[in-house]
Amino acid sequence: MHIVLQLIPKKYLIGGTLILLGLSGLLIMSTILAITGEFEKDSQQSEVTEIEGGGIGVGTANVSPQVMKYQPLLEKYAQKHGLDASYVPIMMALMMQESGGRGNDPMQSSESFCGSVGCISSPELSVDKGVLHFKSVLEKAHYDLKLCLQSYNFGGGFINYVMKNGGKYTPELAISFSQLQYQKVKHTGNYHCVRPEMVPYSACYGDALYVNAVLKYYTGTITADGKPAAPASGGSGGKSGVKVIDAGKTLIGKTRYVFGGGRSQSDINAGRFDCSSFVRWAFEQVGMNVGPMSGVTTDTLKTQGQAINPKDMKPGDVVFFDTYKIDGHVGIYVGNNQFLGCQGKTGVAIASMAKGTYFGERFNGRVKRF
């Protein structure tokens, strides 16, 4: 081959190379144009065409990259098991404490699943069963989040103990339960204090300080009822909700949908919004801050507020739809199976979410009250 190339004049080699490069460039360009054309075609046919960045909300979880990679799975199985997405950051903090995201059982859910350590060897199965167990413990704890976390470590017996001693988690109850249980099992020689500070108390069953250990990775708000978020004063589903709707209606016919729009004052002045930026703007008009202008997405909105049963939703509640992804679209419920939102074809408008309609078929049951 080398001899053949030597026999060909250099000018022909150069010319041939340029021709090949030109043909390759044309092929690449035509491929790009074809793909772009398909995207444009799809966007014209779809009611909602947003592609918003994922996330759990700025500063809600301080965890390692190994744990962060499990966020999509946690959201997937929270959706599957009917657990509100606002608990995903808490579960990420829990995973950080349990395993740091390492190993085949990152949520350490083998014991709750099959009664023995090591029976789970699939990270996805660990997340699936871990989320299901977390939800079960949360419900048994009557949504006392700290009680739920400590019971994730101690086991369900701690819930019964707390219910017989005031009905609410306290650090003192965690220590006393650990003491009692340790007295029952210390003869086995299998239990040792995981924290030196618990040695003087003989509180060596489990981790009596587990709640604080988890919450050091969580920077959100835990309310008096143990939930990770609470509605603002009065809640968006009351008089404030009507005000939000009235504020949002002022933009009907004055806006157009732009992916990524509404995240600067110039965009807002020009009437450029997408679904989540419009919701943020509407609540801002009634004095409610539901996220930064530059960083709001459907995923940050769904971590806020109080989860509401769809049967109980009121005007002003925020509703979510599964479009191009889970919770891909968001709007404000106005009543009578209608919501106010910024849609791809209409801009800000009232749309139907009744059964049989585009959004009615995509309403996923997630309702939040801010």
Protein backbone atom coordinates (compact mmCIF):
# COMPACT_ATOMS: atom_id res chain seq x y z
CA MET A 1 0.00 0.00 0.00
CA HIS A 2 2.88 2.31 0.86
CA ILE A 3 4.46 1.68 -2.59
CA VAL A 4 1.16 2.41 -4.35
CA LEU A 5 0.84 5.76 -2.57
CA GLN A 6 4.38 6.68 -3.62
CA LEU A 7 3.49 6.10 -7.30
CA ILE A 8 0.50 8.52 -7.15
CA PRO A 9 1.41 12.19 -7.69
CA LYS A 10 1.09 14.27 -4.53
CA LYS A 11 -1.34 16.79 -6.10
CA TYR A 12 -3.82 13.96 -6.83
CA LEU A 13 -3.53 12.67 -3.29
CA ILE A 14 -4.23 16.13 -1.89
CA GLY A 15 -7.13 16.68 -4.25
CA GLY A 16 -8.63 13.29 -3.42
CA THR A 17 -8.34 13.97 0.29
CA LEU A 18 -10.13 17.32 -0.05
CA ILE A 19 -12.94 15.70 -2.01
CA LEU A 20 -13.40 13.02 0.66
CA LEU A 21 -13.44 15.65 3.39
CA GLY A 22 -16.04 17.67 1.48
CA LEU A 23 -18.28 14.66 0.99
CA SER A 24 -17.97 13.77 4.70
CA GLY A 25 -18.91 17.32 5.67
CA LEU A 26 -21.99 17.24 3.42
CA LEU A 27 -23.04 13.91 4.92
CA ILE A 28 -22.69 15.20 8.49
CA MET A 29 -24.57 18.41 7.65
CA SER A 30 -27.44 16.54 6.03
CA THR A 31 -27.69 14.25 9.05
CA ILE A 32 -27.85 17.25 11.42
CA LEU A 33 -30.50 18.91 9.28
CA ALA A 34 -32.56 15.73 9.21
CA ILE A 35 -32.41 15.35 12.98
CA THR A 36 -33.20 19.03 13.51
CA GLY A 37 -36.13 18.75 11.16
CA GLU A 38 -37.49 15.84 13.17
CA PHE A 39 -37.18 17.84 16.41
CA GLU A 40 -39.03 20.77 14.84
CA LYS A 41 -41.67 18.42 13.48
CA ASP A 42 -42.16 16.81 16.89
CA SER A 43 -42.37 20.17 18.64
CA GLN A 44 -45.10 21.31 16.28
CA GLN A 45 -47.17 18.21 17.00
CA SER A 46 -46.69 18.22 20.78
CA GLU A 47 -48.79 20.30 23.14
CA VAL A 48 -45.87 20.74 25.52
CA THR A 49 -42.28 20.86 24.28
CA GLU A 50 -40.30 21.97 27.33
CA ILE A 51 -37.13 20.23 28.36
CA GLU A 52 -36.37 21.57 31.80
CA GLY A 53 -33.34 20.60 33.82
CA GLY A 54 -33.74 18.07 36.57
CA GLY A 55 -32.93 18.67 40.23
CA ILE A 56 -34.27 18.51 43.73
CA GLY A 57 -34.10 22.21 44.40
CA VAL A 58 -31.10 24.33 45.26
CA GLY A 59 -29.40 23.41 48.52
CA THR A 60 -31.83 20.75 49.70
CA ALA A 61 -29.37 17.86 49.85
CA ASN A 62 -25.63 17.95 50.52
CA VAL A 63 -24.55 14.54 49.32
CA SER A 64 -21.78 12.87 47.37
CA PRO A 65 -21.78 12.37 43.58
CA GLN A 66 -22.31 8.65 44.23
CA VAL A 67 -25.61 9.45 45.95
CA MET A 68 -26.61 12.14 43.46
CA LYS A 69 -26.60 9.59 40.65
CA TYR A 70 -29.46 7.77 42.39
CA GLN A 71 -31.79 10.79 42.32
CA PRO A 72 -33.59 9.68 39.12
CA LEU A 73 -34.19 6.21 40.58
CA LEU A 74 -35.44 7.67 43.86
CA GLU A 75 -37.87 9.88 41.94
CA LYS A 76 -38.94 6.94 39.78
CA TYR A 77 -39.78 4.71 42.73
CA ALA A 78 -41.29 7.53 44.77
CA GLN A 79 -43.69 7.95 41.86
CA LYS A 80 -44.27 4.19 41.62
CA HIS A 81 -45.05 3.81 45.32
CA GLY A 82 -47.11 7.00 45.64
CA LEU A 83 -44.62 8.89 47.82
CA ASP A 84 -44.50 12.66 47.39
CA ALA A 85 -41.35 13.89 45.64
CA SER A 86 -40.64 16.35 48.47
CA TYR A 87 -39.23 13.36 50.39
CA VAL A 88 -36.60 12.58 47.76
CA PRO A 89 -33.98 14.94 49.29
CA ILE A 90 -34.53 13.33 52.70
CA MET A 91 -34.05 9.87 51.21
CA MET A 92 -30.87 11.06 49.50
CA ALA A 93 -29.59 12.22 52.89
CA LEU A 94 -30.59 8.85 54.37
CA MET A 95 -28.70 7.02 51.63
CA MET A 96 -25.68 9.22 52.27
CA GLN A 97 -25.68 8.14 55.91
CA GLU A 98 -26.36 4.48 55.14
CA SER A 99 -23.80 3.85 52.39
CA GLY A 100 -22.59 7.05 50.77
CA GLY A 101 -24.11 5.63 47.59
CA ARG A 102 -21.59 2.80 47.48
CA GLY A 103 -22.19 -0.92 47.07
CA ASN A 104 -25.04 -2.95 45.63
CA ASP A 105 -27.47 -2.09 48.44
CA PRO A 106 -27.10 1.71 48.77
CA MET A 107 -30.26 2.09 50.87
CA GLN A 108 -29.37 -0.87 53.08
CA SER A 109 -32.86 -2.26 52.57
CA SER A 110 -32.04 -5.98 52.60
CA GLU A 111 -33.27 -6.56 56.15
CA SER A 112 -36.60 -4.82 55.59
CA PHE A 113 -37.06 -6.73 52.32
CA CYS A 114 -36.09 -10.28 53.23
CA GLY A 115 -35.09 -10.22 56.89
CA SER A 116 -31.36 -10.73 56.43
CA VAL A 117 -28.34 -8.68 55.42
CA GLY A 118 -26.97 -9.21 51.93
CA CYS A 119 -30.00 -10.57 50.11
CA ILE A 120 -30.10 -7.55 47.78
CA SER A 121 -27.37 -7.34 45.16
CA SER A 122 -28.99 -4.88 42.74
CA PRO A 123 -28.79 -1.12 43.44
CA GLU A 124 -32.12 -0.53 41.68
CA LEU A 125 -33.83 -3.21 43.77
CA SER A 126 -32.30 -1.58 46.85
CA VAL A 127 -33.82 1.78 45.90
CA ASP A 128 -37.17 0.20 45.02
CA LYS A 129 -37.49 -1.63 48.33
CA GLY A 130 -35.88 1.17 50.30
CA VAL A 131 -38.39 3.76 49.07
CA LEU A 132 -41.26 1.35 49.74
CA HIS A 133 -39.98 0.71 53.27
CA PHE A 134 -39.43 4.43 53.89
CA LYS A 135 -43.02 5.16 52.86
CA SER A 136 -44.34 2.38 55.07
CA VAL A 137 -42.41 3.61 58.10
CA LEU A 138 -43.42 7.22 57.38
CA GLU A 139 -47.10 6.28 57.38
CA LYS A 140 -46.80 4.23 60.56
CA ALA A 141 -45.02 7.20 62.17
CA HIS A 142 -47.99 9.42 61.21
CA TYR A 143 -45.64 11.52 59.07
CA ASP A 144 -43.42 12.42 62.03
CA LEU A 145 -40.30 12.59 59.86
CA LYS A 146 -37.79 12.33 62.70
CA LEU A 147 -39.64 9.33 64.10
CA CYS A 148 -39.59 7.81 60.62
CA LEU A 149 -35.84 8.29 60.26
CA GLN A 150 -35.00 6.88 63.67
CA SER A 151 -37.30 3.91 63.02
CA TYR A 152 -35.52 3.26 59.72
CA ASN A 153 -32.51 2.57 61.91
CA PHE A 154 -34.13 1.00 65.00
CA GLY A 155 -36.97 -0.91 63.39
CA GLY A 156 -40.73 -0.64 63.77
CA GLY A 157 -40.64 -1.38 67.49
CA PHE A 158 -39.47 2.17 68.13
CA ILE A 159 -42.71 3.57 66.71
CA ASN A 160 -44.76 1.50 69.15
CA TYR A 161 -42.50 2.64 71.98
CA VAL A 162 -42.94 6.30 71.07
CA MET A 163 -46.71 5.95 70.72
CA LYS A 164 -46.84 4.66 74.30
CA ASN A 165 -44.65 7.52 75.54
CA GLY A 166 -46.13 10.74 74.27
CA GLY A 167 -46.59 9.91 70.59
CA LYS A 168 -43.82 12.15 69.28
CA TYR A 169 -40.12 11.60 68.57
CA THR A 170 -37.61 13.06 71.02
CA PRO A 171 -33.86 12.38 71.32
CA GLU A 172 -34.47 11.23 74.90
CA LEU A 173 -36.89 8.54 73.73
CA ALA A 174 -34.34 7.36 71.16
CA ILE A 175 -31.71 6.97 73.87
CA SER A 176 -34.04 5.21 76.33
CA PHE A 177 -35.26 2.79 73.64
CA SER A 178 -31.67 1.99 72.70
CA GLN A 179 -30.88 1.34 76.38
CA LEU A 180 -33.84 -1.02 76.81
CA GLN A 181 -33.12 -2.97 73.65
CA TYR A 182 -29.43 -3.24 74.43
CA GLN A 183 -30.17 -4.83 77.78
CA LYS A 184 -32.07 -7.54 75.92
CA VAL A 185 -29.32 -8.36 73.43
CA LYS A 186 -25.97 -7.43 74.98
CA HIS A 187 -25.43 -11.02 76.18
CA THR A 188 -25.06 -12.06 72.53
CA GLY A 189 -21.89 -10.03 72.17
CA ASN A 190 -23.04 -8.90 68.74
CA TYR A 191 -23.87 -5.32 69.71
CA HIS A 192 -21.38 -2.56 70.34
CA CYS A 193 -21.84 1.20 70.59
CA VAL A 194 -21.43 2.82 67.19
CA ARG A 195 -20.99 6.15 68.97
CA PRO A 196 -18.57 6.54 71.89
CA GLU A 197 -20.81 9.20 73.44
CA MET A 198 -23.51 6.58 73.97
CA VAL A 199 -21.26 4.25 75.98
CA PRO A 200 -21.95 6.00 79.34
CA TYR A 201 -25.68 5.56 78.71
CA SER A 202 -25.37 1.91 77.65
CA ALA A 203 -27.40 2.97 74.62
CA CYS A 204 -25.66 0.63 72.22
CA TYR A 205 -28.59 -0.75 70.25
CA GLY A 206 -28.59 0.82 66.78
CA ASP A 207 -27.66 4.48 66.44
CA ALA A 208 -29.56 6.65 68.91
CA LEU A 209 -28.27 9.76 67.13
CA TYR A 210 -29.30 8.59 63.68
CA VAL A 211 -31.72 11.48 63.05
CA ASN A 212 -29.02 14.13 63.42
CA ALA A 213 -26.62 12.00 61.38
CA VAL A 214 -29.06 11.99 58.44
CA LEU A 215 -30.18 15.60 58.74
CA LYS A 216 -26.63 16.94 58.53
CA TYR A 217 -26.92 16.10 54.83
CA TYR A 218 -30.29 17.87 54.48
CA THR A 219 -30.71 21.64 54.36
CA GLY A 220 -34.47 21.96 53.90
CA THR A 221 -37.20 22.78 56.40
CA ILE A 222 -38.90 20.32 58.71
CA THR A 223 -42.13 21.65 60.18
CA ALA A 224 -43.77 20.95 63.50
CA ASP A 225 -45.81 18.11 62.00
CA GLY A 226 -42.63 16.45 60.76
CA LYS A 227 -43.15 17.14 57.07
CA PRO A 228 -40.30 18.52 54.96
CA ALA A 229 -42.33 21.48 53.71
CA ALA A 230 -45.48 23.33 54.64
CA PRO A 231 -47.93 25.60 52.86
CA ALA A 232 -47.46 29.31 53.24
CA SER A 233 -49.77 31.18 55.56
CA GLY A 234 -53.31 30.37 54.53
CA GLY A 235 -52.10 28.07 51.77
CA SER A 236 -52.48 28.60 48.06
CA GLY A 237 -55.71 26.62 48.06
CA GLY A 238 -57.75 29.29 49.87
CA LYS A 239 -58.21 33.03 49.37
CA SER A 240 -54.57 33.27 48.36
CA GLY A 241 -55.26 30.73 45.62
CA VAL A 242 -57.93 32.92 44.06
CA LYS A 243 -55.49 35.83 44.10
CA VAL A 244 -52.85 33.72 42.36
CA ILE A 245 -55.33 32.82 39.63
CA ASP A 246 -56.39 36.42 39.20
CA ALA A 247 -52.74 37.47 38.90
CA GLY A 248 -52.02 34.75 36.36
CA LYS A 249 -55.07 35.58 34.25
CA THR A 250 -53.68 39.06 33.58
CA LEU A 251 -51.18 37.43 31.20
CA ILE A 252 -53.74 35.55 29.09
CA GLY A 253 -53.27 36.56 25.47
CA LYS A 254 -50.14 38.57 26.29
CA THR A 255 -47.46 35.87 26.32
CA ARG A 256 -45.86 33.19 24.24
CA TYR A 257 -44.25 29.96 25.31
CA VAL A 258 -40.46 29.96 25.08
CA PHE A 259 -38.37 27.14 26.47
CA GLY A 260 -36.26 28.61 29.27
CA GLY A 261 -38.20 31.86 29.12
CA GLY A 262 -39.29 33.85 32.16
CA ARG A 263 -35.93 33.59 33.91
CA SER A 264 -34.90 37.19 33.47
CA GLN A 265 -36.74 40.48 33.86
CA SER A 266 -36.32 41.22 30.16
CA ASP A 267 -38.06 37.92 29.32
CA ILE A 268 -40.90 38.73 31.69
CA ASN A 269 -41.28 42.23 30.27
CA ALA A 270 -41.47 40.71 26.78
CA GLY A 271 -44.01 38.07 27.84
CA ARG A 272 -41.73 35.08 27.30
CA PHE A 273 -42.47 32.24 29.76
CA ASP A 274 -42.44 28.49 30.07
CA CYS A 275 -44.73 26.55 32.40
CA SER A 276 -42.69 26.64 35.60
CA SER A 277 -41.50 30.23 35.25
CA PHE A 278 -45.11 31.33 34.80
CA VAL A 279 -46.20 29.53 37.98
CA ARG A 280 -43.32 31.13 39.88
CA TRP A 281 -44.27 34.57 38.53
CA ALA A 282 -47.94 34.20 39.44
CA PHE A 283 -47.15 33.31 43.06
CA GLU A 284 -44.62 36.11 43.28
CA GLN A 285 -47.43 38.57 42.44
CA VAL A 286 -49.22 37.64 45.69
CA GLY A 287 -46.09 37.79 47.82
CA MET A 288 -45.18 34.08 47.78
CA ASN A 289 -41.61 33.10 46.90
CA VAL A 290 -41.59 29.59 45.43
CA GLY A 291 -38.09 29.66 43.99
CA PRO A 292 -35.47 31.84 42.33
CA MET A 293 -36.35 33.39 39.00
CA SER A 294 -33.27 31.95 37.30
CA GLY A 295 -33.52 28.41 38.65
CA VAL A 296 -37.17 27.42 38.85
CA THR A 297 -38.20 24.15 37.13
CA THR A 298 -41.02 21.67 37.47
CA ASP A 299 -38.65 19.58 39.58
CA THR A 300 -37.94 22.38 42.05
CA LEU A 301 -41.63 23.24 42.31
CA LYS A 302 -42.68 19.67 43.07
CA THR A 303 -40.42 19.52 46.14
CA GLN A 304 -42.26 22.42 47.78
CA GLY A 305 -45.56 22.84 49.55
CA GLN A 306 -47.93 20.27 50.98
CA ALA A 307 -49.14 17.23 49.07
CA ILE A 308 -52.91 17.31 48.50
CA ASN A 309 -55.20 14.47 47.52
CA PRO A 310 -56.58 15.26 44.03
CA LYS A 311 -60.08 14.80 45.44
CA ASP A 312 -59.42 17.73 47.78
CA MET A 313 -57.72 20.17 45.44
CA LYS A 314 -58.90 23.77 45.38
CA PRO A 315 -58.33 26.74 43.08
CA GLY A 316 -54.74 27.89 43.48
CA ASP A 317 -53.29 24.43 44.03
CA VAL A 318 -50.43 23.49 41.71
CA VAL A 319 -50.98 20.48 39.44
CA PHE A 320 -48.43 18.38 37.55
CA PHE A 321 -48.60 16.38 34.34
CA ASP A 322 -46.46 13.62 32.86
CA THR A 323 -45.63 14.82 29.36
CA TYR A 324 -42.15 14.26 27.94
CA LYS A 325 -41.12 13.05 31.42
CA ILE A 326 -42.60 12.56 34.88
CA ASP A 327 -43.83 15.98 36.07
CA GLY A 328 -42.91 17.52 32.73
CA HIS A 329 -45.62 20.20 32.87
CA VAL A 330 -47.14 22.30 35.66
CA GLY A 331 -50.03 24.70 36.07
CA ILE A 332 -52.42 26.27 38.59
CA TYR A 333 -55.79 24.62 39.18
CA VAL A 334 -58.73 26.99 38.65
CA GLY A 335 -61.63 24.58 39.30
CA ASN A 336 -64.06 22.65 37.09
CA ASN A 337 -61.30 20.38 35.75
CA GLN A 338 -59.37 23.32 34.36
CA PHE A 339 -55.96 24.80 35.04
CA LEU A 340 -54.08 27.96 34.16
CA GLY A 341 -50.68 27.45 32.62
CA CYS A 342 -48.23 28.42 29.91
CA GLN A 343 -48.63 25.90 27.08
CA GLY A 344 -46.58 25.41 23.95
CA LYS A 345 -49.19 26.57 21.44
CA THR A 346 -51.14 29.14 23.40
CA GLY A 347 -48.84 30.82 25.88
CA VAL A 348 -50.63 31.56 29.16
CA ALA A 349 -54.16 30.18 28.87
CA ILE A 350 -56.77 28.11 30.65
CA ALA A 351 -56.74 24.48 29.54
CA SER A 352 -58.93 21.49 30.32
CA MET A 353 -57.68 18.58 32.38
CA ALA A 354 -60.93 16.62 32.13
CA LYS A 355 -60.76 12.93 31.26
CA GLY A 356 -60.24 12.34 27.57
CA THR A 357 -58.38 15.61 26.99
CA TYR A 358 -54.64 15.89 26.32
CA PHE A 359 -53.85 17.07 29.83
CA GLY A 360 -56.56 14.98 31.43
CA GLU A 361 -54.80 11.86 30.19
CA ARG A 362 -51.45 13.16 31.48
CA PHE A 363 -52.47 14.46 34.90
CA ASN A 364 -50.44 12.31 37.29
CA GLY A 365 -52.29 13.05 40.52
CA ARG A 366 -49.56 15.22 42.01
CA VAL A 367 -51.13 18.28 43.63
CA LYS A 368 -49.17 20.69 45.84
CA ARG A 369 -50.45 23.53 48.00
CA PHE A 370 -47.97 26.35 48.53
